[in-house]
Amino acid sequence: KEREGVAVIYTGGAIFYADSVKGRFTISRDTGKSTVYLQMNS
């Protein structure tokens, strides 16, 4: 399959998700912004 975007977080804080994961996945970052997380539920 093709590589697909799941989620993104901008330096300014804007967040976007692929429709397929909305409501299930959450992208976040630490306070230093050096680490980004993807919480995947369901």
PDB file of all heavy atoms in Angstrom:
ATOM      1  N   LYS A   1       0.823  -1.195   0.000  1.00  0.00           N
ATOM      2  CA  LYS A   1       0.000   0.000   0.000  1.00  0.00           C
ATOM      3  C   LYS A   1       0.864   1.254   0.000  1.00  0.00           C
ATOM      4  O   LYS A   1       2.053   1.213   0.324  1.00  0.00           O
ATOM      5  CB  LYS A   1      -0.930   0.020   1.213  1.00  0.00           C
ATOM      6  CG  LYS A   1      -1.897  -1.141   1.276  1.00  0.00           C
ATOM      7  CD  LYS A   1      -2.928  -0.958   2.367  1.00  0.00           C
ATOM      8  CE  LYS A   1      -3.880   0.172   2.030  1.00  0.00           C
ATOM      9  NZ  LYS A   1      -4.967   0.307   3.049  1.00  0.00           N
ATOM     10  N   GLU A   2       0.255   2.348  -0.376  1.00  0.00           N
ATOM     11  CA  GLU A   2       0.951   3.621  -0.398  1.00  0.00           C
ATOM     12  C   GLU A   2       1.165   4.136   1.012  1.00  0.00           C
ATOM     13  O   GLU A   2       0.383   3.865   1.926  1.00  0.00           O
ATOM     14  CB  GLU A   2       0.158   4.648  -1.202  1.00  0.00           C
ATOM     15  CG  GLU A   2      -0.028   4.308  -2.672  1.00  0.00           C
ATOM     16  CD  GLU A   2       1.256   4.417  -3.447  1.00  0.00           C
ATOM     17  OE1 GLU A   2       2.135   5.205  -3.062  1.00  0.00           O
ATOM     18  OE2 GLU A   2       1.388   3.703  -4.463  1.00  0.00           O
ATOM     19  N   ARG A   3       2.226   4.877   1.175  1.00  0.00           N
ATOM     20  CA  ARG A   3       2.475   5.542   2.440  1.00  0.00           C
ATOM     21  C   ARG A   3       1.440   6.647   2.624  1.00  0.00           C
ATOM     22  O   ARG A   3       1.205   7.443   1.716  1.00  0.00           O
ATOM     23  CB  ARG A   3       3.889   6.121   2.444  1.00  0.00           C
ATOM     24  CG  ARG A   3       4.311   6.800   3.723  1.00  0.00           C
ATOM     25  CD  ARG A   3       5.795   7.097   3.681  1.00  0.00           C
ATOM     26  NE  ARG A   3       6.181   7.765   2.440  1.00  0.00           N
ATOM     27  CZ  ARG A   3       7.428   8.031   2.083  1.00  0.00           C
ATOM     28  NH1 ARG A   3       8.437   7.673   2.874  1.00  0.00           N
ATOM     29  NH2 ARG A   3       7.676   8.637   0.936  1.00  0.00           N
ATOM     30  N   GLU A   4       0.827   6.690   3.781  1.00  0.00           N
ATOM     31  CA  GLU A   4      -0.226   7.656   4.015  1.00  0.00           C
ATOM     32  C   GLU A   4       0.004   8.442   5.294  1.00  0.00           C
ATOM     33  O   GLU A   4       0.524   7.924   6.283  1.00  0.00           O
ATOM     34  CB  GLU A   4      -1.593   6.966   4.078  1.00  0.00           C
ATOM     35  CG  GLU A   4      -1.741   5.981   5.219  1.00  0.00           C
ATOM     36  CD  GLU A   4      -3.136   5.387   5.308  1.00  0.00           C
ATOM     37  OE1 GLU A   4      -4.071   5.955   4.712  1.00  0.00           O
ATOM     38  OE2 GLU A   4      -3.291   4.340   5.979  1.00  0.00           O
ATOM     39  N   GLY A   5      -0.401   9.688   5.255  1.00  0.00           N
ATOM     40  CA  GLY A   5      -0.317  10.521   6.435  1.00  0.00           C
ATOM     41  C   GLY A   5      -1.357  10.116   7.457  1.00  0.00           C
ATOM     42  O   GLY A   5      -2.509   9.844   7.114  1.00  0.00           O
ATOM     43  N   VAL A   6      -0.961  10.099   8.706  1.00  0.00           N
ATOM     44  CA  VAL A   6      -1.849   9.728   9.803  1.00  0.00           C
ATOM     45  C   VAL A   6      -2.247  10.947  10.616  1.00  0.00           C
ATOM     46  O   VAL A   6      -3.420  11.187  10.878  1.00  0.00           O
ATOM     47  CB  VAL A   6      -1.193   8.676  10.710  1.00  0.00           C
ATOM     48  CG1 VAL A   6      -2.072   8.371  11.915  1.00  0.00           C
ATOM     49  CG2 VAL A   6      -0.888   7.407   9.924  1.00  0.00           C
ATOM     50  N   ALA A   7      -1.259  11.717  11.010  1.00  0.00           N
ATOM     51  CA  ALA A   7      -1.504  12.898  11.826  1.00  0.00           C
ATOM     52  C   ALA A   7      -0.298  13.806  11.751  1.00  0.00           C
ATOM     53  O   ALA A   7       0.809  13.364  11.435  1.00  0.00           O
ATOM     54  CB  ALA A   7      -1.783  12.513  13.282  1.00  0.00           C
ATOM     55  N   VAL A   8      -0.508  15.061  12.052  1.00  0.00           N
ATOM     56  CA  VAL A   8       0.582  16.022  12.029  1.00  0.00           C
ATOM     57  C   VAL A   8       0.351  17.068  13.105  1.00  0.00           C
ATOM     58  O   VAL A   8      -0.793  17.392  13.443  1.00  0.00           O
ATOM     59  CB  VAL A   8       0.705  16.698  10.638  1.00  0.00           C
ATOM     60  CG1 VAL A   8      -0.518  17.568  10.347  1.00  0.00           C
ATOM     61  CG2 VAL A   8       1.986  17.513  10.528  1.00  0.00           C
ATOM     62  N   ILE A   9       1.430  17.577  13.642  1.00  0.00           N
ATOM     63  CA  ILE A   9       1.356  18.689  14.572  1.00  0.00           C
ATOM     64  C   ILE A   9       2.396  19.714  14.151  1.00  0.00           C
ATOM     65  O   ILE A   9       3.557  19.391  13.905  1.00  0.00           O
ATOM     66  CB  ILE A   9       1.548  18.236  16.031  1.00  0.00           C
ATOM     67  CG1 ILE A   9       1.366  19.413  16.985  1.00  0.00           C
ATOM     68  CG2 ILE A   9       2.891  17.554  16.236  1.00  0.00           C
ATOM     69  CD1 ILE A   9       1.205  18.983  18.436  1.00  0.00           C
ATOM     70  N   TYR A  10       1.962  20.954  14.046  1.00  0.00           N
ATOM     71  CA  TYR A  10       2.841  22.051  13.659  1.00  0.00           C
ATOM     72  C   TYR A  10       3.469  22.681  14.892  1.00  0.00           C
ATOM     73  O   TYR A  10       2.961  22.564  16.005  1.00  0.00           O
ATOM     74  CB  TYR A  10       2.060  23.116  12.894  1.00  0.00           C
ATOM     75  CG  TYR A  10       1.689  22.746  11.480  1.00  0.00           C
ATOM     76  CD1 TYR A  10       0.677  21.832  11.220  1.00  0.00           C
ATOM     77  CD2 TYR A  10       2.353  23.323  10.400  1.00  0.00           C
ATOM     78  CE1 TYR A  10       0.336  21.501   9.925  1.00  0.00           C
ATOM     79  CE2 TYR A  10       2.011  23.000   9.101  1.00  0.00           C
ATOM     80  CZ  TYR A  10       1.001  22.091   8.871  1.00  0.00           C
ATOM     81  OH  TYR A  10       0.663  21.773   7.573  1.00  0.00           O
ATOM     82  N   THR A  11       4.577  23.371  14.663  1.00  0.00           N
ATOM     83  CA  THR A  11       5.233  24.081  15.752  1.00  0.00           C
ATOM     84  C   THR A  11       4.260  24.999  16.472  1.00  0.00           C
ATOM     85  O   THR A  11       4.268  25.101  17.698  1.00  0.00           O
ATOM     86  CB  THR A  11       6.417  24.899  15.225  1.00  0.00           C
ATOM     87  OG1 THR A  11       7.376  24.025  14.633  1.00  0.00           O
ATOM     88  CG2 THR A  11       7.085  25.680  16.355  1.00  0.00           C
ATOM     89  N   GLY A  12       3.388  25.654  15.708  1.00  0.00           N
ATOM     90  CA  GLY A  12       2.414  26.550  16.290  1.00  0.00           C
ATOM     91  C   GLY A  12       1.270  25.864  17.006  1.00  0.00           C
ATOM     92  O   GLY A  12       0.461  26.541  17.641  1.00  0.00           O
ATOM     93  N   GLY A  13       1.185  24.545  16.896  1.00  0.00           N
ATOM     94  CA  GLY A  13       0.176  23.801  17.619  1.00  0.00           C
ATOM     95  C   GLY A  13      -0.970  23.256  16.795  1.00  0.00           C
ATOM     96  O   GLY A  13      -1.775  22.473  17.312  1.00  0.00           O
ATOM     97  N   ALA A  14      -1.066  23.647  15.549  1.00  0.00           N
ATOM     98  CA  ALA A  14      -2.134  23.129  14.703  1.00  0.00           C
ATOM     99  C   ALA A  14      -1.989  21.622  14.526  1.00  0.00           C
ATOM    100  O   ALA A  14      -0.883  21.103  14.389  1.00  0.00           O
ATOM    101  CB  ALA A  14      -2.131  23.820  13.356  1.00  0.00           C
ATOM    102  N   ILE A  15      -3.101  20.923  14.517  1.00  0.00           N
ATOM    103  CA  ILE A  15      -3.130  19.473  14.408  1.00  0.00           C
ATOM    104  C   ILE A  15      -4.121  19.053  13.334  1.00  0.00           C
ATOM    105  O   ILE A  15      -5.214  19.618  13.230  1.00  0.00           O
ATOM    106  CB  ILE A  15      -3.508  18.838  15.759  1.00  0.00           C
ATOM    107  CG1 ILE A  15      -2.392  19.054  16.785  1.00  0.00           C
ATOM    108  CG2 ILE A  15      -3.818  17.362  15.598  1.00  0.00           C
ATOM    109  CD1 ILE A  15      -2.755  18.630  18.189  1.00  0.00           C
ATOM    110  N   PHE A  16      -3.741  18.064  12.564  1.00  0.00           N
ATOM    111  CA  PHE A  16      -4.622  17.497  11.559  1.00  0.00           C
ATOM    112  C   PHE A  16      -4.499  15.985  11.591  1.00  0.00           C
ATOM    113  O   PHE A  16      -3.445  15.438  11.896  1.00  0.00           O
ATOM    114  CB  PHE A  16      -4.279  18.024  10.163  1.00  0.00           C
ATOM    115  CG  PHE A  16      -4.407  19.509  10.027  1.00  0.00           C
ATOM    116  CD1 PHE A  16      -3.311  20.332  10.204  1.00  0.00           C
ATOM    117  CD2 PHE A  16      -5.628  20.085   9.723  1.00  0.00           C
ATOM    118  CE1 PHE A  16      -3.422  21.713  10.085  1.00  0.00           C
ATOM    119  CE2 PHE A  16      -5.752  21.461   9.605  1.00  0.00           C
ATOM    120  CZ  PHE A  16      -4.657  22.279   9.785  1.00  0.00           C
ATOM    121  N   TYR A  17      -5.599  15.320  11.257  1.00  0.00           N
ATOM    122  CA  TYR A  17      -5.646  13.873  11.237  1.00  0.00           C
ATOM    123  C   TYR A  17      -6.217  13.366   9.931  1.00  0.00           C
ATOM    124  O   TYR A  17      -7.038  14.021   9.285  1.00  0.00           O
ATOM    125  CB  TYR A  17      -6.540  13.338  12.353  1.00  0.00           C
ATOM    126  CG  TYR A  17      -6.073  13.626  13.751  1.00  0.00           C
ATOM    127  CD1 TYR A  17      -6.592  14.699  14.469  1.00  0.00           C
ATOM    128  CD2 TYR A  17      -5.135  12.807  14.373  1.00  0.00           C
ATOM    129  CE1 TYR A  17      -6.179  14.960  15.764  1.00  0.00           C
ATOM    130  CE2 TYR A  17      -4.719  13.065  15.663  1.00  0.00           C
ATOM    131  CZ  TYR A  17      -5.240  14.138  16.355  1.00  0.00           C
ATOM    132  OH  TYR A  17      -4.830  14.385  17.648  1.00  0.00           O
ATOM    133  N   ALA A  18      -5.789  12.182   9.574  1.00  0.00           N
ATOM    134  CA  ALA A  18      -6.457  11.489   8.494  1.00  0.00           C
ATOM    135  C   ALA A  18      -7.852  11.094   8.952  1.00  0.00           C
ATOM    136  O   ALA A  18      -8.074  10.792  10.127  1.00  0.00           O
ATOM    137  CB  ALA A  18      -5.672  10.241   8.093  1.00  0.00           C
ATOM    138  N   ASP A  19      -8.791  11.105   8.030  1.00  0.00           N
ATOM    139  CA  ASP A  19     -10.163  10.762   8.388  1.00  0.00           C
ATOM    140  C   ASP A  19     -10.264   9.379   9.026  1.00  0.00           C
ATOM    141  O   ASP A  19     -11.101   9.149   9.900  1.00  0.00           O
ATOM    142  CB  ASP A  19     -11.062  10.819   7.151  1.00  0.00           C
ATOM    143  CG  ASP A  19     -11.305  12.236   6.677  1.00  0.00           C
ATOM    144  OD1 ASP A  19     -11.089  13.184   7.459  1.00  0.00           O
ATOM    145  OD2 ASP A  19     -11.719  12.399   5.514  1.00  0.00           O
ATOM    146  N   SER A  20      -9.417   8.479   8.600  1.00  0.00           N
ATOM    147  CA  SER A  20      -9.499   7.106   9.061  1.00  0.00           C
ATOM    148  C   SER A  20      -9.140   6.926  10.535  1.00  0.00           C
ATOM    149  O   SER A  20      -9.465   5.891  11.123  1.00  0.00           O
ATOM    150  CB  SER A  20      -8.596   6.207   8.209  1.00  0.00           C
ATOM    151  OG  SER A  20      -7.245   6.626   8.286  1.00  0.00           O
ATOM    152  N   VAL A  21      -8.483   7.915  11.131  1.00  0.00           N
ATOM    153  CA  VAL A  21      -8.057   7.766  12.518  1.00  0.00           C
ATOM    154  C   VAL A  21      -8.680   8.796  13.448  1.00  0.00           C
ATOM    155  O   VAL A  21      -8.447   8.741  14.664  1.00  0.00           O
ATOM    156  CB  VAL A  21      -6.524   7.822  12.654  1.00  0.00           C
ATOM    157  CG1 VAL A  21      -5.869   6.802  11.728  1.00  0.00           C
ATOM    158  CG2 VAL A  21      -5.996   9.224  12.367  1.00  0.00           C
ATOM    159  N   LYS A  22      -9.460   9.704  12.916  1.00  0.00           N
ATOM    160  CA  LYS A  22     -10.089  10.716  13.753  1.00  0.00           C
ATOM    161  C   LYS A  22     -10.947  10.075  14.828  1.00  0.00           C
ATOM    162  O   LYS A  22     -11.708   9.147  14.573  1.00  0.00           O
ATOM    163  CB  LYS A  22     -10.939  11.659  12.905  1.00  0.00           C
ATOM    164  CG  LYS A  22     -10.140  12.618  12.049  1.00  0.00           C
ATOM    165  CD  LYS A  22     -11.052  13.527  11.238  1.00  0.00           C
ATOM    166  CE  LYS A  22     -10.246  14.495  10.390  1.00  0.00           C
ATOM    167  NZ  LYS A  22     -11.117  15.346   9.544  1.00  0.00           N
ATOM    168  N   GLY A  23     -10.801  10.576  16.032  1.00  0.00           N
ATOM    169  CA  GLY A  23     -11.547  10.045  17.150  1.00  0.00           C
ATOM    170  C   GLY A  23     -10.887   8.876  17.835  1.00  0.00           C
ATOM    171  O   GLY A  23     -11.308   8.486  18.933  1.00  0.00           O
ATOM    172  N   ARG A  24      -9.870   8.310  17.216  1.00  0.00           N
ATOM    173  CA  ARG A  24      -9.174   7.169  17.798  1.00  0.00           C
ATOM    174  C   ARG A  24      -7.723   7.484  18.136  1.00  0.00           C
ATOM    175  O   ARG A  24      -7.199   6.985  19.124  1.00  0.00           O
ATOM    176  CB  ARG A  24      -9.221   5.976  16.847  1.00  0.00           C
ATOM    177  CG  ARG A  24     -10.630   5.486  16.531  1.00  0.00           C
ATOM    178  CD  ARG A  24     -10.594   4.183  15.756  1.00  0.00           C
ATOM    179  NE  ARG A  24      -9.924   4.328  14.469  1.00  0.00           N
ATOM    180  CZ  ARG A  24      -8.840   3.641  14.102  1.00  0.00           C
ATOM    181  NH1 ARG A  24      -8.308   2.746  14.927  1.00  0.00           N
ATOM    182  NH2 ARG A  24      -8.302   3.832  12.903  1.00  0.00           N
ATOM    183  N   PHE A  25      -7.081   8.278  17.305  1.00  0.00           N
ATOM    184  CA  PHE A  25      -5.674   8.611  17.495  1.00  0.00           C
ATOM    185  C   PHE A  25      -5.539  10.048  17.971  1.00  0.00           C
ATOM    186  O   PHE A  25      -6.330  10.921  17.593  1.00  0.00           O
ATOM    187  CB  PHE A  25      -4.891   8.465  16.191  1.00  0.00           C
ATOM    188  CG  PHE A  25      -4.718   7.052  15.697  1.00  0.00           C
ATOM    189  CD1 PHE A  25      -5.418   5.994  16.257  1.00  0.00           C
ATOM    190  CD2 PHE A  25      -3.847   6.795  14.655  1.00  0.00           C
ATOM    191  CE1 PHE A  25      -5.255   4.699  15.791  1.00  0.00           C
ATOM    192  CE2 PHE A  25      -3.674   5.509  14.181  1.00  0.00           C
ATOM    193  CZ  PHE A  25      -4.372   4.459  14.746  1.00  0.00           C
ATOM    194  N   THR A  26      -4.519  10.290  18.763  1.00  0.00           N
ATOM    195  CA  THR A  26      -4.224  11.632  19.241  1.00  0.00           C
ATOM    196  C   THR A  26      -2.738  11.905  19.108  1.00  0.00           C
ATOM    197  O   THR A  26      -1.920  11.137  19.617  1.00  0.00           O
ATOM    198  CB  THR A  26      -4.638  11.813  20.710  1.00  0.00           C
ATOM    199  OG1 THR A  26      -6.032  11.538  20.863  1.00  0.00           O
ATOM    200  CG2 THR A  26      -4.365  13.245  21.165  1.00  0.00           C
ATOM    201  N   ILE A  27      -2.407  12.975  18.430  1.00  0.00           N
ATOM    202  CA  ILE A  27      -1.016  13.372  18.317  1.00  0.00           C
ATOM    203  C   ILE A  27      -0.730  14.460  19.347  1.00  0.00           C
ATOM    204  O   ILE A  27      -1.578  15.315  19.611  1.00  0.00           O
ATOM    205  CB  ILE A  27      -0.676  13.854  16.888  1.00  0.00           C
ATOM    206  CG1 ILE A  27       0.835  14.041  16.726  1.00  0.00           C
ATOM    207  CG2 ILE A  27      -1.426  15.128  16.534  1.00  0.00           C
ATOM    208  CD1 ILE A  27       1.263  14.277  15.282  1.00  0.00           C
ATOM    209  N   SER A  28       0.440  14.418  19.925  1.00  0.00           N
ATOM    210  CA  SER A  28       0.821  15.401  20.926  1.00  0.00           C
ATOM    211  C   SER A  28       2.332  15.523  20.959  1.00  0.00           C
ATOM    212  O   SER A  28       3.043  14.792  20.258  1.00  0.00           O
ATOM    213  CB  SER A  28       0.282  15.017  22.309  1.00  0.00           C
ATOM    214  OG  SER A  28       0.834  13.789  22.746  1.00  0.00           O
ATOM    215  N   ARG A  29       2.818  16.427  21.761  1.00  0.00           N
ATOM    216  CA  ARG A  29       4.253  16.633  21.886  1.00  0.00           C
ATOM    217  C   ARG A  29       4.596  16.997  23.313  1.00  0.00           C
ATOM    218  O   ARG A  29       3.736  17.438  24.080  1.00  0.00           O
ATOM    219  CB  ARG A  29       4.716  17.733  20.933  1.00  0.00           C
ATOM    220  CG  ARG A  29       4.099  19.095  21.236  1.00  0.00           C
ATOM    221  CD  ARG A  29       4.339  20.085  20.135  1.00  0.00           C
ATOM    222  NE  ARG A  29       3.688  21.360  20.404  1.00  0.00           N
ATOM    223  CZ  ARG A  29       3.504  22.317  19.522  1.00  0.00           C
ATOM    224  NH1 ARG A  29       3.942  22.143  18.276  1.00  0.00           N
ATOM    225  NH2 ARG A  29       2.897  23.440  19.862  1.00  0.00           N
ATOM    226  N   ASP A  30       5.851  16.817  23.663  1.00  0.00           N
ATOM    227  CA  ASP A  30       6.267  17.219  24.991  1.00  0.00           C
ATOM    228  C   ASP A  30       6.461  18.724  25.020  1.00  0.00           C
ATOM    229  O   ASP A  30       6.424  19.399  23.996  1.00  0.00           O
ATOM    230  CB  ASP A  30       7.525  16.459  25.428  1.00  0.00           C
ATOM    231  CG  ASP A  30       8.730  16.721  24.537  1.00  0.00           C
ATOM    232  OD1 ASP A  30       8.700  17.661  23.723  1.00  0.00           O
ATOM    233  OD2 ASP A  30       9.712  15.969  24.663  1.00  0.00           O
ATOM    234  N   THR A  31       6.682  19.237  26.204  1.00  0.00           N
ATOM    235  CA  THR A  31       6.790  20.688  26.350  1.00  0.00           C
ATOM    236  C   THR A  31       7.980  21.268  25.616  1.00  0.00           C
ATOM    237  O   THR A  31       7.946  22.422  25.189  1.00  0.00           O
ATOM    238  CB  THR A  31       6.863  21.076  27.832  1.00  0.00           C
ATOM    239  OG1 THR A  31       7.947  20.379  28.461  1.00  0.00           O
ATOM    240  CG2 THR A  31       5.571  20.719  28.540  1.00  0.00           C
ATOM    241  N   GLY A  32       9.021  20.481  25.472  1.00  0.00           N
ATOM    242  CA  GLY A  32      10.182  20.937  24.739  1.00  0.00           C
ATOM    243  C   GLY A  32      10.059  20.774  23.242  1.00  0.00           C
ATOM    244  O   GLY A  32      10.934  21.200  22.492  1.00  0.00           O
ATOM    245  N   LYS A  33       9.001  20.127  22.815  1.00  0.00           N
ATOM    246  CA  LYS A  33       8.672  19.924  21.404  1.00  0.00           C
ATOM    247  C   LYS A  33       9.677  19.057  20.659  1.00  0.00           C
ATOM    248  O   LYS A  33       9.668  19.019  19.432  1.00  0.00           O
ATOM    249  CB  LYS A  33       8.497  21.261  20.689  1.00  0.00           C
ATOM    250  CG  LYS A  33       7.431  22.154  21.293  1.00  0.00           C
ATOM    251  CD  LYS A  33       7.291  23.458  20.525  1.00  0.00           C
ATOM    252  CE  LYS A  33       6.230  24.349  21.146  1.00  0.00           C
ATOM    253  NZ  LYS A  33       6.076  25.636  20.398  1.00  0.00           N
ATOM    254  N   SER A  34      10.520  18.368  21.390  1.00  0.00           N
ATOM    255  CA  SER A  34      11.499  17.508  20.748  1.00  0.00           C
ATOM    256  C   SER A  34      10.974  16.092  20.523  1.00  0.00           C
ATOM    257  O   SER A  34      11.559  15.339  19.748  1.00  0.00           O
ATOM    258  CB  SER A  34      12.782  17.443  21.569  1.00  0.00           C
ATOM    259  OG  SER A  34      12.542  16.896  22.852  1.00  0.00           O
ATOM    260  N   THR A  35       9.911  15.750  21.199  1.00  0.00           N
ATOM    261  CA  THR A  35       9.317  14.433  21.068  1.00  0.00           C
ATOM    262  C   THR A  35       7.851  14.564  20.708  1.00  0.00           C
ATOM    263  O   THR A  35       7.126  15.348  21.316  1.00  0.00           O
ATOM    264  CB  THR A  35       9.456  13.624  22.367  1.00  0.00           C
ATOM    265  OG1 THR A  35      10.839  13.516  22.722  1.00  0.00           O
ATOM    266  CG2 THR A  35       8.881  12.229  22.193  1.00  0.00           C
ATOM    267  N   VAL A  36       7.440  13.816  19.735  1.00  0.00           N
ATOM    268  CA  VAL A  36       6.042  13.794  19.339  1.00  0.00           C
ATOM    269  C   VAL A  36       5.486  12.406  19.605  1.00  0.00           C
ATOM    270  O   VAL A  36       6.192  11.400  19.453  1.00  0.00           O
ATOM    271  CB  VAL A  36       5.876  14.209  17.863  1.00  0.00           C
ATOM    272  CG1 VAL A  36       6.560  13.214  16.937  1.00  0.00           C
ATOM    273  CG2 VAL A  36       4.412  14.362  17.506  1.00  0.00           C
ATOM    274  N   TYR A  37       4.238  12.354  20.011  1.00  0.00           N
ATOM    275  CA  TYR A  37       3.598  11.102  20.376  1.00  0.00           C
ATOM    276  C   TYR A  37       2.385  10.849  19.510  1.00  0.00           C
ATOM    277  O   TYR A  37       1.770  11.767  18.975  1.00  0.00           O
ATOM    278  CB  TYR A  37       3.159  11.135  21.844  1.00  0.00           C
ATOM    279  CG  TYR A  37       4.265  11.469  22.806  1.00  0.00           C
ATOM    280  CD1 TYR A  37       4.461  12.777  23.233  1.00  0.00           C
ATOM    281  CD2 TYR A  37       5.117  10.483  23.287  1.00  0.00           C
ATOM    282  CE1 TYR A  37       5.478  13.096  24.117  1.00  0.00           C
ATOM    283  CE2 TYR A  37       6.131  10.787  24.167  1.00  0.00           C
ATOM    284  CZ  TYR A  37       6.311  12.093  24.580  1.00  0.00           C
ATOM    285  OH  TYR A  37       7.320  12.399  25.459  1.00  0.00           O
ATOM    286  N   LEU A  38       2.048   9.606  19.407  1.00  0.00           N
ATOM    287  CA  LEU A  38       0.813   9.219  18.755  1.00  0.00           C
ATOM    288  C   LEU A  38       0.127   8.190  19.635  1.00  0.00           C
ATOM    289  O   LEU A  38       0.568   7.039  19.710  1.00  0.00           O
ATOM    290  CB  LEU A  38       1.064   8.647  17.358  1.00  0.00           C
ATOM    291  CG  LEU A  38      -0.196   8.352  16.545  1.00  0.00           C
ATOM    292  CD1 LEU A  38      -0.901   9.652  16.161  1.00  0.00           C
ATOM    293  CD2 LEU A  38       0.144   7.545  15.298  1.00  0.00           C
ATOM    294  N   GLN A  39      -0.910   8.626  20.319  1.00  0.00           N
ATOM    295  CA  GLN A  39      -1.708   7.722  21.125  1.00  0.00           C
ATOM    296  C   GLN A  39      -2.746   7.085  20.224  1.00  0.00           C
ATOM    297  O   GLN A  39      -3.553   7.782  19.615  1.00  0.00           O
ATOM    298  CB  GLN A  39      -2.388   8.476  22.267  1.00  0.00           C
ATOM    299  CG  GLN A  39      -3.288   7.614  23.141  1.00  0.00           C
ATOM    300  CD  GLN A  39      -2.516   6.576  23.924  1.00  0.00           C
ATOM    301  OE1 GLN A  39      -1.489   6.890  24.520  1.00  0.00           O
ATOM    302  NE2 GLN A  39      -2.989   5.339  23.916  1.00  0.00           N
ATOM    303  N   MET A  40      -2.719   5.782  20.146  1.00  0.00           N
ATOM    304  CA  MET A  40      -3.606   5.053  19.261  1.00  0.00           C
ATOM    305  C   MET A  40      -4.533   4.186  20.099  1.00  0.00           C
ATOM    306  O   MET A  40      -4.083   3.265  20.783  1.00  0.00           O
ATOM    307  CB  MET A  40      -2.814   4.193  18.276  1.00  0.00           C
ATOM    308  CG  MET A  40      -1.801   4.978  17.455  1.00  0.00           C
ATOM    309  SD  MET A  40      -0.972   3.967  16.204  1.00  0.00           S
ATOM    310  CE  MET A  40      -0.078   2.830  17.281  1.00  0.00           C
ATOM    311  N   ASN A  41      -5.799   4.490  20.050  1.00  0.00           N
ATOM    312  CA  ASN A  41      -6.812   3.742  20.778  1.00  0.00           C
ATOM    313  C   ASN A  41      -7.756   3.059  19.802  1.00  0.00           C
ATOM    314  O   ASN A  41      -7.825   3.409  18.631  1.00  0.00           O
ATOM    315  CB  ASN A  41      -7.604   4.669  21.701  1.00  0.00           C
ATOM    316  CG  ASN A  41      -6.759   5.322  22.760  1.00  0.00           C
ATOM    317  OD1 ASN A  41      -5.798   4.731  23.258  1.00  0.00           O
ATOM    318  ND2 ASN A  41      -7.115   6.548  23.137  1.00  0.00           N
ATOM    319  N   SER A  42      -8.489   2.104  20.322  1.00  0.00           N
ATOM    320  CA  SER A  42      -9.464   1.373  19.504  1.00  0.00           C
ATOM    321  C   SER A  42      -8.846   0.886  18.206  1.00  0.00           C
ATOM    322  O   SER A  42      -9.413   1.051  17.126  1.00  0.00           O
ATOM    323  CB  SER A  42     -10.682   2.265  19.227  1.00  0.00           C
ATOM    324  OG  SER A  42     -11.291   2.690  20.426  1.00  0.00           O
TER     325      SER A  42
END
